Amino acid sequence: MTFEPGADLDEEGVADSVDDTIAENEVVLFMKGNPLMPQCGYSDRAVNLIAAHRDEFETVDVLPALDQFREALAEHSGWETIPQAFVDGEFVGGSDVLAELEERGELAETLETA
């Protein structure tokens, strides 16, 4: 038997999940893996940057349905790359943008929520 990632997750289900997750969480990071075991360096970097300023934030592992998540996230951000961070429903960027904000001393303020 061959494992097909996301075989039980359809596009509409993933899109609805992305919509709900962005709407219901102050800060959310869509990433490869999870905070304890990131599956790419960019996701690891993004988790560490956010965690340096926030104790609580939501993460979503996109690997079980990578193509469906990329498409659903692109509807919100215009980006197809992962990771993607959202604050108060607004797209902030990926790990490079988060790192640039940190370098300019703006990340803590960006991660503050209303």
C-alpha atoms as a PDB file:
ATOM      1  CA  MET A   1       0.000   0.000   0.000  1.00  0.00           C
ATOM      2  CA  THR A   2       1.358   3.401  -1.001  1.00  0.00           C
ATOM      3  CA  PHE A   3       0.870   6.346   1.320  1.00  0.00           C
ATOM      4  CA  GLU A   4      -0.405   9.391  -0.514  1.00  0.00           C
ATOM      5  CA  PRO A   5      -0.098  12.565   1.553  1.00  0.00           C
ATOM      6  CA  GLY A   6      -3.385  14.403   1.796  1.00  0.00           C
ATOM      7  CA  ALA A   7      -5.367  11.661   0.142  1.00  0.00           C
ATOM      8  CA  ASP A   8      -8.163  12.172   2.670  1.00  0.00           C
ATOM      9  CA  LEU A   9      -8.007  15.975   2.519  1.00  0.00           C
ATOM     10  CA  ASP A  10      -9.816  17.579  -0.407  1.00  0.00           C
ATOM     11  CA  GLU A  11      -9.193  21.095  -1.681  1.00  0.00           C
ATOM     12  CA  GLU A  12     -12.424  22.469  -0.256  1.00  0.00           C
ATOM     13  CA  GLY A  13     -11.781  20.958   3.184  1.00  0.00           C
ATOM     14  CA  VAL A  14      -8.266  22.370   3.309  1.00  0.00           C
ATOM     15  CA  ALA A  15      -9.466  25.773   2.076  1.00  0.00           C
ATOM     16  CA  ASP A  16     -12.150  25.867   4.776  1.00  0.00           C
ATOM     17  CA  SER A  17      -9.595  24.823   7.394  1.00  0.00           C
ATOM     18  CA  VAL A  18      -7.180  27.577   6.297  1.00  0.00           C
ATOM     19  CA  ASP A  19      -9.969  30.190   6.344  1.00  0.00           C
ATOM     20  CA  ASP A  20     -11.085  29.144   9.831  1.00  0.00           C
ATOM     21  CA  THR A  21      -7.568  28.909  11.247  1.00  0.00           C
ATOM     22  CA  ILE A  22      -6.603  32.372  10.007  1.00  0.00           C
ATOM     23  CA  ALA A  23      -9.860  33.873  11.306  1.00  0.00           C
ATOM     24  CA  GLU A  24      -9.783  32.187  14.725  1.00  0.00           C
ATOM     25  CA  ASN A  25      -6.141  32.751  15.740  1.00  0.00           C
ATOM     26  CA  GLU A  26      -4.272  35.943  16.548  1.00  0.00           C
ATOM     27  CA  VAL A  27      -1.000  34.556  15.182  1.00  0.00           C
ATOM     28  CA  VAL A  28      -0.756  31.453  13.013  1.00  0.00           C
ATOM     29  CA  LEU A  29       2.169  29.901  11.177  1.00  0.00           C
ATOM     30  CA  PHE A  30       1.555  27.438   8.361  1.00  0.00           C
ATOM     31  CA  MET A  31       4.722  25.366   8.290  1.00  0.00           C
ATOM     32  CA  LYS A  32       6.310  22.083   7.305  1.00  0.00           C
ATOM     33  CA  GLY A  33       6.273  19.920  10.423  1.00  0.00           C
ATOM     34  CA  ASN A  34       5.556  21.196  13.910  1.00  0.00           C
ATOM     35  CA  PRO A  35       7.393  23.423  16.401  1.00  0.00           C
ATOM     36  CA  LEU A  36       9.064  20.441  18.073  1.00  0.00           C
ATOM     37  CA  MET A  37      10.103  18.880  14.785  1.00  0.00           C
ATOM     38  CA  PRO A  38      10.212  21.343  11.880  1.00  0.00           C
ATOM     39  CA  GLN A  39      10.730  19.581   8.567  1.00  0.00           C
ATOM     40  CA  CYS A  40      12.627  22.373   6.809  1.00  0.00           C
ATOM     41  CA  GLY A  41      15.066  25.075   7.819  1.00  0.00           C
ATOM     42  CA  TYR A  42      12.727  27.891   6.824  1.00  0.00           C
ATOM     43  CA  SER A  43       9.961  26.555   9.057  1.00  0.00           C
ATOM     44  CA  ASP A  44      12.438  26.138  11.921  1.00  0.00           C
ATOM     45  CA  ARG A  45      13.633  29.713  11.473  1.00  0.00           C
ATOM     46  CA  ALA A  46      10.073  31.093  11.381  1.00  0.00           C
ATOM     47  CA  VAL A  47       9.038  29.191  14.530  1.00  0.00           C
ATOM     48  CA  ASN A  48      12.075  30.459  16.432  1.00  0.00           C
ATOM     49  CA  LEU A  49      11.552  34.065  15.322  1.00  0.00           C
ATOM     50  CA  ILE A  50       7.911  34.083  16.397  1.00  0.00           C
ATOM     51  CA  ALA A  51       8.599  32.181  19.634  1.00  0.00           C
ATOM     52  CA  ALA A  52      11.183  34.794  20.622  1.00  0.00           C
ATOM     53  CA  HIS A  53       8.332  37.314  20.953  1.00  0.00           C
ATOM     54  CA  ARG A  54       5.190  35.266  21.666  1.00  0.00           C
ATOM     55  CA  ASP A  55       4.494  32.504  24.123  1.00  0.00           C
ATOM     56  CA  GLU A  56       1.344  31.397  22.327  1.00  0.00           C
ATOM     57  CA  PHE A  57       0.662  31.053  18.626  1.00  0.00           C
ATOM     58  CA  GLU A  58      -0.958  28.453  16.417  1.00  0.00           C
ATOM     59  CA  THR A  59       0.937  26.288  13.951  1.00  0.00           C
ATOM     60  CA  VAL A  60      -0.406  24.116  11.148  1.00  0.00           C
ATOM     61  CA  ASP A  61       1.579  21.302   9.543  1.00  0.00           C
ATOM     62  CA  VAL A  62       0.948  21.570   5.802  1.00  0.00           C
ATOM     63  CA  LEU A  63       2.776  18.362   4.841  1.00  0.00           C
ATOM     64  CA  PRO A  64      -0.266  16.034   4.978  1.00  0.00           C
ATOM     65  CA  ALA A  65      -1.780  17.983   2.051  1.00  0.00           C
ATOM     66  CA  LEU A  66       1.002  20.235   0.758  1.00  0.00           C
ATOM     67  CA  ASP A  67      -0.462  21.021  -2.676  1.00  0.00           C
ATOM     68  CA  GLN A  68      -3.906  21.768  -1.264  1.00  0.00           C
ATOM     69  CA  PHE A  69      -2.451  24.007   1.459  1.00  0.00           C
ATOM     70  CA  ARG A  70      -0.296  25.904  -1.054  1.00  0.00           C
ATOM     71  CA  GLU A  71      -3.322  26.624  -3.190  1.00  0.00           C
ATOM     72  CA  ALA A  72      -5.536  27.633  -0.245  1.00  0.00           C
ATOM     73  CA  LEU A  73      -2.833  29.849   1.267  1.00  0.00           C
ATOM     74  CA  ALA A  74      -2.133  31.526  -2.072  1.00  0.00           C
ATOM     75  CA  GLU A  75      -5.743  32.753  -2.011  1.00  0.00           C
ATOM     76  CA  HIS A  76      -4.932  34.669   1.193  1.00  0.00           C
ATOM     77  CA  SER A  77      -1.361  35.722   0.554  1.00  0.00           C
ATOM     78  CA  GLY A  78      -0.555  35.516  -3.133  1.00  0.00           C
ATOM     79  CA  TRP A  79       2.436  33.350  -2.140  1.00  0.00           C
ATOM     80  CA  GLU A  80       2.939  29.645  -2.728  1.00  0.00           C
ATOM     81  CA  THR A  81       5.993  29.160  -0.522  1.00  0.00           C
ATOM     82  CA  ILE A  82       5.860  27.730   2.980  1.00  0.00           C
ATOM     83  CA  PRO A  83       6.089  28.836   5.799  1.00  0.00           C
ATOM     84  CA  GLN A  84       3.526  31.634   5.939  1.00  0.00           C
ATOM     85  CA  ALA A  85       2.698  33.731   8.992  1.00  0.00           C
ATOM     86  CA  PHE A  86      -0.574  35.579   9.586  1.00  0.00           C
ATOM     87  CA  VAL A  87      -1.310  38.092  12.360  1.00  0.00           C
ATOM     88  CA  ASP A  88      -4.887  39.166  13.086  1.00  0.00           C
ATOM     89  CA  GLY A  89      -5.968  37.659   9.773  1.00  0.00           C
ATOM     90  CA  GLU A  90      -3.365  39.554   7.744  1.00  0.00           C
ATOM     91  CA  PHE A  91      -0.525  37.911   5.852  1.00  0.00           C
ATOM     92  CA  VAL A  92       2.880  38.970   7.212  1.00  0.00           C
ATOM     93  CA  GLY A  93       5.258  36.798   5.195  1.00  0.00           C
ATOM     94  CA  GLY A  94       7.579  33.834   5.326  1.00  0.00           C
ATOM     95  CA  SER A  95      10.764  33.266   7.260  1.00  0.00           C
ATOM     96  CA  ASP A  96      12.769  35.798   5.238  1.00  0.00           C
ATOM     97  CA  VAL A  97      10.245  38.572   5.890  1.00  0.00           C
ATOM     98  CA  LEU A  98      10.086  37.649   9.579  1.00  0.00           C
ATOM     99  CA  ALA A  99      13.899  37.784   9.737  1.00  0.00           C
ATOM    100  CA  GLU A 100      13.947  41.195   8.033  1.00  0.00           C
ATOM    101  CA  LEU A 101      11.385  42.518  10.514  1.00  0.00           C
ATOM    102  CA  GLU A 102      13.505  41.155  13.375  1.00  0.00           C
ATOM    103  CA  GLU A 103      16.654  42.814  11.993  1.00  0.00           C
ATOM    104  CA  ARG A 104      14.829  46.155  11.818  1.00  0.00           C
ATOM    105  CA  GLY A 105      13.484  45.709  15.347  1.00  0.00           C
ATOM    106  CA  GLU A 106       9.881  45.572  14.079  1.00  0.00           C
ATOM    107  CA  LEU A 107       8.943  41.928  14.607  1.00  0.00           C
ATOM    108  CA  ALA A 108       7.754  42.244  18.210  1.00  0.00           C
ATOM    109  CA  GLU A 109       5.413  45.079  17.236  1.00  0.00           C
ATOM    110  CA  THR A 110       4.206  43.199  14.138  1.00  0.00           C
ATOM    111  CA  LEU A 111       3.307  40.181  16.295  1.00  0.00           C
ATOM    112  CA  GLU A 112       1.314  42.264  18.782  1.00  0.00           C
ATOM    113  CA  THR A 113      -2.396  41.735  18.408  1.00  0.00           C
ATOM    114  CA  ALA A 114      -5.328  43.985  19.087  1.00  0.00           C
END
